[in-house]
Protein backbone atom coordinates (compact mmCIF):
# COMPACT_ATOMS: atom_id res chain seq x y z
CA MET A 1 20.19 -70.88 23.61
CA ALA A 2 22.10 -74.23 24.61
CA GLU A 3 22.26 -75.19 21.18
CA LEU A 4 23.54 -71.86 20.06
CA ILE A 5 26.08 -72.14 22.57
CA LEU A 6 27.03 -75.59 21.39
CA GLU A 7 27.34 -74.54 17.68
CA SER A 8 29.59 -71.56 18.80
CA ALA A 9 31.91 -74.13 20.38
CA ARG A 10 31.69 -76.24 17.22
CA LYS A 11 32.83 -73.33 15.15
CA LYS A 12 35.44 -72.34 17.02
CA ALA A 13 36.93 -75.93 17.36
CA LEU A 14 36.73 -76.02 13.05
CA VAL A 15 38.53 -72.77 13.01
CA GLU A 16 41.19 -74.03 15.24
CA SER A 17 41.65 -77.28 13.15
CA TYR A 18 42.06 -75.38 9.87
CA LYS A 19 44.01 -72.64 11.23
CA LYS A 20 47.03 -73.64 8.78
CA ASP A 21 44.61 -73.07 5.80
CA ILE A 22 43.32 -69.97 7.13
CA ASN A 23 46.97 -68.30 7.67
CA GLU A 24 47.90 -69.60 4.21
CA ALA A 25 44.92 -67.64 2.51
CA LYS A 26 45.53 -64.60 4.61
CA GLU A 27 49.32 -64.61 3.24
CA ALA A 28 48.26 -65.26 -0.22
CA PHE A 29 46.58 -61.88 -0.12
CA GLY A 30 48.62 -59.95 2.19
CA LEU A 31 45.84 -59.76 4.90
CA GLU A 32 46.59 -58.89 8.65
CA ASP A 33 43.32 -60.87 9.38
CA LEU A 34 39.90 -62.11 8.17
CA LYS A 35 36.75 -61.41 9.74
CA TYR A 36 35.52 -64.03 12.18
CA GLU A 37 32.80 -65.23 10.08
CA SER A 38 34.97 -65.50 7.13
CA LYS A 39 37.20 -67.78 9.13
CA VAL A 40 34.18 -69.86 9.98
CA SER A 41 33.00 -69.97 6.62
CA LEU A 42 36.44 -71.00 5.04
CA ALA A 43 36.85 -73.68 7.77
CA THR A 44 33.57 -75.14 7.25
CA THR A 45 33.48 -75.09 3.46
CA ILE A 46 37.07 -76.71 3.39
CA ASN A 47 35.99 -79.20 5.65
CA ASN A 48 32.75 -80.04 3.66
CA THR A 49 34.85 -80.13 0.42
CA LYS A 50 37.11 -82.68 1.88
CA GLN A 51 34.58 -84.90 2.93
CA LEU A 52 32.34 -84.71 -0.12
CA LEU A 53 35.63 -85.35 -2.13
CA GLU A 54 36.54 -88.44 0.03
CA ALA A 55 32.78 -89.61 -0.05
CA THR A 56 32.67 -89.44 -3.97
CA GLN A 57 36.05 -91.20 -4.40
CA VAL A 58 37.48 -88.83 -7.17
CA GLN A 59 40.36 -90.57 -8.66
CA GLY A 60 43.73 -89.39 -7.92
CA ILE A 61 41.92 -87.89 -4.63
CA GLY A 62 45.14 -86.92 -2.82
CA PRO A 63 46.52 -84.28 -4.89
CA TYR A 64 43.01 -83.38 -6.36
CA LYS A 65 41.64 -82.77 -3.13
CA ARG A 66 44.39 -80.55 -2.18
CA HIS A 67 44.14 -78.65 -5.27
CA ALA A 68 40.49 -78.14 -4.86
CA ILE A 69 40.87 -77.05 -1.29
CA ASP A 70 43.77 -74.54 -2.46
CA MET A 71 41.13 -72.83 -4.72
CA LEU A 72 38.73 -72.43 -1.92
CA LYS A 73 41.62 -70.62 -0.05
CA VAL A 74 42.19 -68.33 -2.90
CA THR A 75 38.73 -67.40 -3.89
CA GLN A 76 36.68 -67.02 -0.68
CA PRO A 77 39.06 -64.27 0.88
CA VAL A 78 38.59 -62.22 -2.17
CA SER A 79 34.75 -62.58 -2.12
CA ILE A 80 32.93 -59.47 -1.16
CA ILE A 81 29.91 -61.49 -0.02
CA PRO A 82 30.78 -61.51 3.75
CA ASP A 83 31.30 -57.68 3.43
CA ILE A 84 27.89 -56.96 2.41
CA VAL A 85 25.63 -59.71 3.83
CA SER A 86 25.76 -62.25 6.63
CA GLU A 87 27.76 -65.61 5.61
CA GLN A 88 26.72 -68.55 7.57
CA ALA A 89 28.40 -71.90 6.13
CA ILE A 90 26.09 -75.03 6.51
CA ASP A 91 26.93 -78.50 6.98
CA THR A 92 23.95 -80.02 5.36
CA MET A 93 21.95 -79.35 2.03
CA ALA A 94 18.73 -78.60 4.13
CA ALA A 95 19.79 -76.59 7.17
CA MET A 96 18.74 -73.99 9.73
CA ILE A 97 20.37 -70.59 9.85
CA ASN A 98 20.02 -68.21 12.99
CA TYR A 99 19.11 -64.46 13.33
CA LYS A 100 18.33 -62.29 16.25
CA LYS A 101 14.86 -61.35 16.95
CA PHE A 102 13.84 -58.75 19.69
CA THR A 103 10.21 -58.75 20.76
CA TYR A 104 8.36 -56.71 23.27
CA GLY A 105 7.71 -58.75 26.36
CA SER A 106 5.07 -56.28 28.16
CA ASN A 107 1.65 -54.91 27.17
CA LYS A 108 2.07 -51.06 27.38
CA GLY A 109 -0.25 -48.70 25.76
CA ALA A 110 -0.33 -49.45 21.90
CA VAL A 111 2.47 -51.79 22.13
CA GLU A 112 1.50 -55.75 22.60
CA ALA A 113 3.68 -58.30 24.08
CA GLY A 114 5.23 -60.40 21.19
CA GLN A 115 5.39 -57.48 18.84
CA THR A 116 8.79 -57.43 16.91
CA VAL A 117 10.97 -54.54 17.93
CA ASN A 118 12.39 -52.87 14.86
CA GLY A 119 15.85 -54.38 14.41
CA VAL A 120 17.70 -56.26 11.75
CA LEU A 121 14.41 -57.94 10.85
CA GLY A 122 12.52 -54.74 11.13
CA GLY A 123 9.13 -54.72 12.90
CA PRO A 124 5.88 -53.10 13.02
CA PHE A 125 7.43 -49.90 14.80
CA SER A 126 9.69 -49.06 17.48
CA HIS A 127 7.59 -47.03 20.16
CA PRO A 128 9.28 -43.93 21.28
CA SER A 129 8.03 -44.19 24.85
CA TYR A 130 8.15 -47.71 25.67
CA GLY A 131 10.54 -47.53 28.26
CA ALA A 132 9.57 -44.06 29.51
CA SER A 133 7.33 -43.31 32.49
CA THR A 134 4.25 -42.37 29.89
CA VAL A 135 1.72 -44.68 28.64
CA GLU A 136 0.07 -44.06 25.30
CA GLU A 137 -3.15 -45.20 23.81
CA GLU A 138 -3.85 -47.96 26.42
CA TYR A 139 -7.16 -49.66 25.63
CA VAL A 140 -10.03 -48.71 27.87
CA GLY A 141 -13.47 -49.96 25.67
CA GLU A 142 -15.24 -50.13 22.28
CA VAL A 143 -17.35 -48.00 20.36
CA GLY A 144 -21.09 -47.81 21.63
CA GLU A 145 -20.31 -48.35 25.14
CA THR A 146 -21.09 -45.68 27.98
CA ALA A 147 -20.13 -47.23 31.17
CA PHE A 148 -16.44 -48.00 31.73
CA THR A 149 -14.85 -49.78 35.00
CA GLY A 150 -11.23 -51.12 35.01
CA SER A 151 -7.83 -50.47 36.21
CA LEU A 152 -4.91 -48.91 34.45
CA ALA A 153 -2.09 -51.29 33.76
CA TRP A 154 0.91 -49.16 35.04
CA THR A 155 0.83 -47.90 38.62
CA PRO A 156 1.21 -45.96 40.75
CA VAL A 157 -0.35 -43.15 38.41
CA VAL A 158 0.94 -39.81 38.52
CA PRO A 159 -2.00 -37.41 39.59
CA GLY A 160 -3.14 -34.92 37.18
CA SER A 161 -1.65 -36.94 33.98
CA VAL A 162 -4.46 -38.94 33.07
CA VAL A 163 -6.35 -38.09 29.39
CA ILE A 164 -9.01 -40.33 28.35
CA LYS A 165 -10.24 -40.03 24.71
CA ALA A 166 -13.40 -41.24 23.64
CA GLY A 167 -13.80 -39.78 20.03
CA SER A 168 -14.42 -35.81 20.49
CA VAL A 169 -15.05 -36.50 24.28
CA VAL A 170 -11.73 -35.68 26.27
CA ILE A 171 -11.61 -36.64 30.03
CA THR A 172 -8.91 -35.73 32.56
CA ASP A 173 -8.21 -36.12 36.31
CA ASP A 174 -8.06 -33.18 38.56
CA GLY A 175 -5.21 -34.66 40.51
CA GLN A 176 -7.74 -35.14 43.66
CA GLY A 177 -9.21 -38.73 42.22
CA ASN A 178 -11.69 -37.36 40.15
CA LEU A 179 -12.30 -37.72 36.21
CA VAL A 180 -13.84 -34.50 34.67
CA GLY A 181 -14.82 -33.25 31.38
CA THR A 182 -17.44 -32.58 29.03
CA GLY A 183 -19.24 -35.51 27.77
CA LEU A 184 -19.64 -37.26 31.20
CA ALA A 185 -23.03 -38.10 32.58
CA SER A 186 -21.47 -37.31 36.00
CA ASN A 187 -17.72 -37.02 37.41
CA GLY A 188 -15.87 -40.38 37.56
CA THR A 189 -13.04 -41.71 39.87
CA ILE A 190 -9.55 -42.85 39.45
CA ASP A 191 -7.29 -44.31 42.01
CA ALA A 192 -3.89 -43.04 41.65
CA GLU A 193 -2.25 -46.00 43.86
CA THR A 194 -4.22 -48.88 42.04
CA GLY A 195 -5.34 -47.30 38.84
CA ALA A 196 -8.94 -48.38 39.34
CA PHE A 197 -11.26 -46.06 37.55
CA ASN A 198 -15.02 -45.53 36.72
CA PHE A 199 -16.96 -43.19 34.52
CA THR A 200 -20.09 -43.09 32.41
CA LEU A 201 -20.57 -41.08 29.34
CA ALA A 202 -23.47 -39.01 28.55
CA ALA A 203 -23.61 -40.65 25.00
CA ALA A 204 -22.35 -43.79 23.52
CA ALA A 205 -18.54 -43.62 22.49
CA THR A 206 -18.32 -43.04 18.71
CA ASP A 207 -14.67 -44.16 18.59
CA THR A 208 -12.30 -46.68 20.55
CA VAL A 209 -11.85 -45.38 23.99
CA THR A 210 -8.20 -45.04 24.96
CA VAL A 211 -6.12 -43.33 27.79
CA ASP A 212 -2.83 -41.68 27.83
CA TYR A 213 -1.10 -41.12 31.33
CA ALA A 214 2.12 -41.19 33.50
CA TYR A 215 3.13 -43.35 36.15
CA ASP A 216 5.80 -43.41 38.85
CA ASN A 217 9.02 -45.12 37.73
CA VAL A 218 11.20 -43.38 40.19
CA THR A 219 10.36 -44.41 43.50
CA ALA A 220 11.60 -47.85 44.63
CA PRO A 221 10.66 -50.63 44.55
CA VAL A 222 9.55 -50.14 40.82
CA HIS A 223 7.43 -53.43 40.08
CA ASN A 224 6.45 -52.35 36.40
CA VAL A 225 9.20 -52.43 34.26
CA PRO A 226 8.73 -52.78 30.38
CA GLU A 227 10.53 -55.83 28.87
CA ILE A 228 12.31 -56.56 25.54
CA ASN A 229 13.04 -60.20 24.72
CA LEU A 230 15.78 -61.34 22.90
CA GLU A 231 15.28 -64.53 20.69
CA ILE A 232 17.81 -66.56 18.50
CA ALA A 233 15.34 -67.34 16.10
CA SER A 234 16.07 -69.76 13.07
CA LYS A 235 15.00 -70.01 9.50
CA PRO A 236 15.30 -73.10 7.08
CA VAL A 237 17.71 -72.77 4.03
CA TYR A 238 17.87 -75.19 1.33
CA ALA A 239 21.02 -75.36 -0.78
CA LYS A 240 21.07 -75.35 -4.53
CA ASN A 241 23.65 -76.09 -7.23
CA ILE A 242 25.72 -74.20 -9.65
CA LEU A 243 27.12 -76.23 -12.28
CA LEU A 244 29.74 -75.77 -14.89
CA LYS A 245 31.74 -78.11 -17.32
CA THR A 246 35.25 -77.64 -18.80
CA ASN A 247 36.39 -79.17 -22.08
CA TYR A 248 39.88 -79.03 -23.56
CA SER A 249 41.70 -80.93 -26.42
CA PHE A 250 44.51 -83.31 -25.57
CA THR A 251 46.63 -81.47 -28.22
CA ALA A 252 45.83 -77.83 -26.55
CA ALA A 253 46.79 -79.24 -23.05
CA TYR A 254 50.21 -80.78 -24.38
CA MET A 255 50.93 -77.49 -26.21
CA LEU A 256 50.12 -75.25 -23.22
CA LYS A 257 52.46 -77.34 -20.95
CA LYS A 258 55.19 -77.80 -23.26
CA GLU A 259 55.43 -74.48 -24.78
CA TYR A 260 54.34 -72.28 -21.86
CA GLY A 261 54.88 -74.34 -18.94
CA GLU A 262 51.15 -73.90 -17.76
CA ASP A 263 48.95 -76.76 -16.61
CA ILE A 264 45.73 -76.57 -18.43
CA GLU A 265 43.84 -78.25 -15.58
CA ALA A 266 44.94 -75.53 -12.93
CA THR A 267 44.11 -72.87 -15.49
CA LEU A 268 40.32 -74.16 -16.32
CA ALA A 269 40.12 -74.69 -12.60
CA ALA A 270 40.98 -70.97 -11.68
CA GLU A 271 38.52 -69.95 -14.37
CA ALA A 272 35.75 -72.12 -13.15
CA ALA A 273 36.30 -71.00 -9.70
CA GLY A 274 36.25 -67.32 -10.78
CA GLU A 275 33.23 -67.85 -12.80
CA ILE A 276 31.33 -69.49 -9.67
CA LEU A 277 32.57 -66.79 -7.35
CA ASN A 278 31.08 -64.07 -9.72
CA GLU A 279 27.78 -65.88 -10.36
CA GLN A 280 27.42 -66.07 -6.37
CA THR A 281 28.31 -62.42 -5.80
CA THR A 282 26.04 -60.98 -8.93
CA GLN A 283 23.23 -63.23 -7.43
CA VAL A 284 23.61 -62.02 -4.07
CA ILE A 285 23.77 -58.19 -5.51
CA LYS A 286 20.55 -58.87 -7.55
CA ASP A 287 18.75 -60.11 -4.50
CA LEU A 288 19.44 -56.98 -2.51
CA HIS A 289 18.59 -54.83 -5.61
CA ASP A 290 15.23 -56.71 -5.76
CA MET A 291 14.81 -56.62 -2.03
CA ALA A 292 15.54 -53.00 -1.60
CA ILE A 293 13.07 -50.22 -0.88
CA ALA A 294 12.44 -48.35 -4.15
CA ASN A 295 12.06 -44.64 -3.59
CA PRO A 296 11.87 -42.69 -6.87
CA ALA A 297 12.92 -39.40 -4.77
CA VAL A 298 16.37 -41.02 -4.37
CA SER A 299 18.06 -40.11 -7.37
CA PHE A 300 21.07 -38.06 -8.42
CA GLN A 301 21.36 -35.56 -11.28
CA ARG A 302 24.86 -36.54 -13.00
CA THR A 303 24.83 -33.65 -15.50
CA GLN A 304 26.46 -30.55 -14.00
CA ALA A 305 24.44 -27.56 -14.20
CA VAL A 306 25.66 -24.28 -15.31
CA GLY A 307 27.10 -22.40 -12.33
CA VAL A 308 27.31 -25.22 -10.19
CA THR A 309 31.06 -26.10 -8.95
CA VAL A 310 32.35 -29.68 -8.65
CA LEU A 311 32.31 -29.39 -4.97
CA GLU A 312 28.54 -28.34 -4.95
CA GLN A 313 27.89 -31.35 -7.32
CA SER A 314 29.49 -33.71 -5.01
CA GLN A 315 27.61 -32.25 -2.03
CA ASP A 316 24.38 -32.82 -3.72
CA PHE A 317 25.34 -36.30 -4.16
CA LEU A 318 26.16 -36.78 -0.45
CA TYR A 319 22.62 -35.12 0.09
CA THR A 320 20.99 -37.67 -2.27
CA LEU A 321 22.49 -40.47 -0.12
CA GLU A 322 21.30 -38.82 3.17
CA GLU A 323 18.02 -39.00 1.63
CA ALA A 324 18.20 -42.86 1.10
CA ALA A 325 19.84 -43.22 4.58
CA SER A 326 16.72 -41.45 6.17
CA GLU A 327 14.57 -43.80 4.27
CA MET A 328 16.31 -46.53 6.02
CA GLU A 329 16.20 -44.84 9.54
CA LEU A 330 12.54 -44.29 9.04
CA ALA A 331 11.99 -47.98 8.27
CA THR A 332 13.83 -49.07 11.27
CA GLY A 333 12.79 -46.80 13.74
CA GLY A 334 16.11 -44.66 13.58
CA LYS A 335 18.10 -47.77 14.62
CA PHE A 336 20.12 -48.67 11.33
CA ARG A 337 21.94 -46.28 8.80
CA PRO A 338 23.71 -47.77 5.55
CA THR A 339 27.18 -48.81 5.85
CA PHE A 340 27.81 -49.65 2.29
CA ILE A 341 27.13 -48.66 -1.26
CA ILE A 342 27.06 -50.85 -4.46
CA LEU A 343 27.29 -49.08 -7.72
CA GLY A 344 26.58 -50.11 -11.31
CA THR A 345 29.31 -49.36 -13.76
CA LEU A 346 28.17 -45.81 -14.97
CA ALA A 347 27.17 -44.98 -11.31
CA ALA A 348 30.67 -46.01 -10.14
CA ALA A 349 32.29 -44.20 -12.86
CA THR A 350 30.34 -40.90 -11.53
CA VAL A 351 31.49 -41.62 -8.08
CA ARG A 352 35.23 -41.99 -9.10
CA THR A 353 35.21 -38.38 -10.33
CA MET A 354 34.21 -36.94 -7.01
CA ARG A 355 37.63 -36.85 -5.76
CA ASP A 356 36.81 -34.43 -3.00
CA ILE A 357 34.49 -36.78 -1.09
CA PHE A 358 35.50 -40.20 -2.41
CA THR A 359 38.76 -42.16 -1.41
CA PRO A 360 39.70 -44.65 -4.21
CA VAL A 361 41.05 -48.25 -3.31
CA THR A 362 43.41 -49.76 -5.84
CA THR A 363 42.67 -53.51 -6.46
CA ASN A 364 43.00 -56.03 -9.53
CA THR A 365 40.27 -58.35 -8.43
CA PRO A 366 37.84 -58.90 -11.09
CA GLY A 367 34.25 -58.70 -10.89
CA ALA A 368 32.30 -57.01 -8.03
CA LYS A 369 34.92 -55.43 -5.61
CA LEU A 370 35.60 -52.70 -3.16
CA ILE A 371 36.76 -49.60 -4.86
CA GLY A 372 36.94 -47.05 -2.08
CA LYS A 373 35.36 -45.16 0.47
CA LEU A 374 32.72 -42.41 0.48
CA GLY A 375 32.61 -40.94 4.20
CA ASP A 376 31.83 -43.83 6.34
CA LEU A 377 30.32 -46.07 3.32
CA ASP A 378 32.29 -48.83 1.84
CA VAL A 379 32.07 -48.38 -1.64
CA TYR A 380 31.75 -51.49 -4.21
CA SER A 381 31.20 -51.73 -8.07
CA CYS A 382 29.07 -54.38 -9.73
CA PRO A 383 30.39 -54.67 -13.35
CA ASN A 384 27.45 -57.27 -14.31
CA ALA A 385 24.49 -55.56 -15.59
CA TYR A 386 22.46 -58.64 -14.17
CA GLY A 387 23.03 -57.78 -10.73
CA LEU A 388 22.46 -53.76 -10.84
CA GLY A 389 21.68 -51.29 -13.77
CA ALA A 390 24.71 -49.41 -14.80
CA ASN A 391 23.11 -46.31 -13.40
CA GLU A 392 21.82 -47.86 -10.11
CA PHE A 393 22.95 -48.21 -6.74
CA VAL A 394 22.04 -49.97 -3.74
CA LEU A 395 22.64 -48.74 -0.25
CA GLY A 396 22.70 -51.35 2.61
CA TYR A 397 23.50 -52.26 6.23
CA LYS A 398 25.95 -54.96 7.44
CA GLY A 399 26.92 -55.04 11.13
CA ASN A 400 30.10 -56.80 12.59
CA GLY A 401 28.72 -60.37 13.45
CA PHE A 402 27.00 -63.33 11.94
CA LEU A 403 23.64 -62.23 12.73
CA ASP A 404 23.58 -58.34 11.86
CA ALA A 405 22.31 -58.43 8.29
CA GLY A 406 18.99 -58.65 6.40
CA TYR A 407 20.26 -61.36 3.89
CA VAL A 408 22.23 -64.62 4.67
CA PHE A 409 24.50 -66.34 2.33
CA CYS A 410 24.98 -69.94 3.05
CA PRO A 411 27.96 -71.94 1.34
CA TYR A 412 27.78 -75.61 1.57
CA ALA A 413 30.51 -76.50 -0.92
CA PRO A 414 31.76 -73.42 -3.05
CA ILE A 415 33.87 -75.60 -5.53
CA ILE A 416 33.58 -79.35 -5.97
CA PRO A 417 35.19 -81.10 -9.05
CA THR A 418 34.07 -84.40 -10.94
CA ASP A 419 36.44 -87.13 -11.99
CA LEU A 420 38.65 -85.92 -15.10
CA LEU A 421 37.39 -87.70 -18.27
CA MET A 422 39.78 -88.06 -21.18
CA ASP A 423 37.49 -89.77 -24.04
CA ASP A 424 38.65 -91.69 -27.27
CA THR A 425 38.13 -88.32 -29.28
CA PHE A 426 40.94 -86.85 -27.19
CA THR A 427 38.72 -84.32 -25.50
CA GLY A 428 39.14 -83.67 -21.74
CA ARG A 429 36.21 -83.06 -19.53
CA ARG A 430 35.84 -82.05 -15.90
CA GLY A 431 32.65 -80.83 -14.15
CA TRP A 432 32.38 -78.15 -11.52
CA ALA A 433 29.73 -77.78 -8.88
CA ALA A 434 29.03 -75.03 -6.24
CA ILE A 435 26.29 -75.57 -3.59
CA GLN A 436 24.95 -72.73 -1.56
CA GLY A 437 21.68 -71.48 -0.06
CA LYS A 438 20.47 -68.19 0.80
CA ALA A 439 17.72 -66.45 3.32
CA LYS A 440 16.24 -63.21 2.83
CA LEU A 441 15.35 -61.79 6.03
CA SER A 442 14.38 -58.04 5.86
CA ASN A 443 14.24 -55.33 2.87
CA GLN A 444 14.26 -52.36 5.44
CA LEU A 445 18.10 -52.56 5.48
CA TYR A 446 18.39 -51.96 1.66
CA ILE A 447 17.56 -48.66 -0.33
CA ARG A 448 17.63 -48.64 -3.93
CA GLY A 449 18.44 -45.32 -6.00
CA LYS A 450 19.71 -43.91 -9.37
CA ILE A 451 22.01 -41.57 -10.90
CA VAL A 452 20.09 -39.88 -14.06
CA THR A 453 20.93 -37.41 -16.57
CA THR A 454 17.44 -35.90 -16.30
CA SER A 455 15.88 -33.76 -13.73
CA LYS A 456 15.17 -35.60 -10.49
CA VAL A 457 11.85 -37.22 -10.05
CA ALA A 458 9.64 -35.38 -7.52
């Protein structure tokens, strides 16, 4: 935890150091503010790019370093990546990213200490009575045993609440300290204050023996209180490259500058930066699609049936999304619902026509982008079939902080240029690289569906 506090302080200092660059990025797009994680990511990658350019001794480093950093400021703020996944910029090619991990701290009934609680990372289950005064399926003994002696873990026990199950044999307490029921060799005993019990079956148990009961968690002092532990866990991330090369002729550069006043280097740089951003975003969306829970029932019939109104058609689509949302709630113990939806091209065209439920947003941003709102959902379109099929959609969850997502994108240096080379064939060349890592944490926060032109799949 101390390391996390130091890391948080370092991030704040970095954001403060590059406040001017962050403000310029906001002004360039007329934004009131950027998310804090976007500020940290922008500051970190600008700092990384600055250091890398200085370390590699690019010729004409002064003006070109400024130009490369300026490109960072105009590409990162338009990226939808921090809106759909966690973005944690890294300082080294091999780094550690953080995420929240909740675990049960007590053995209670069927719950074992150390099991993961359903959260952003998911877990085996989220027990509905872990914090309640009831205990369910506490272990008592094994198949084949007849004599059982021990103590219930949560005390004092509420008299009359004990139910012991041994296959078809059911044993209860009578509220007076006695264990009674068919299948006993003789009545057993239970001490409500200490939880100590003793009983013997007439025949060996045919199944694992468990007990349900209630305990007093009202009368002070309450000594038995179930615990949940929060851990800031870490996962290794290894950055990889995206590499591009731009070529142009000396004559084309001269003509473009003289006749149109356009700098070919700036034009190609912007094109390379746009291509890199598009590849990064599309890869993230493809990963979410591939991670997502696929349920054939989550599909929507696009063809409007005879007698069905436009409003009824739209409401049916909302019902389809609710089906998908319930799938996420089921997978996460009811803790999470989708906050965004990403649509393929034809799926986006369908949703855009639902004017009664869809609120459009106008943007000229190329590639994957925010196109509107659908109730509480932010709606994004993905025009690249590599990331998402034309009729497909992905519903996902993204919280407000660094640690609230099932996928982490880790930029190291989004845009790095090589030296400009103009050879004796009068061909100009410059290489471009982007370096980033990623971490897939949980598929339970993503649900995949489809808009179809045939009947729903049952």
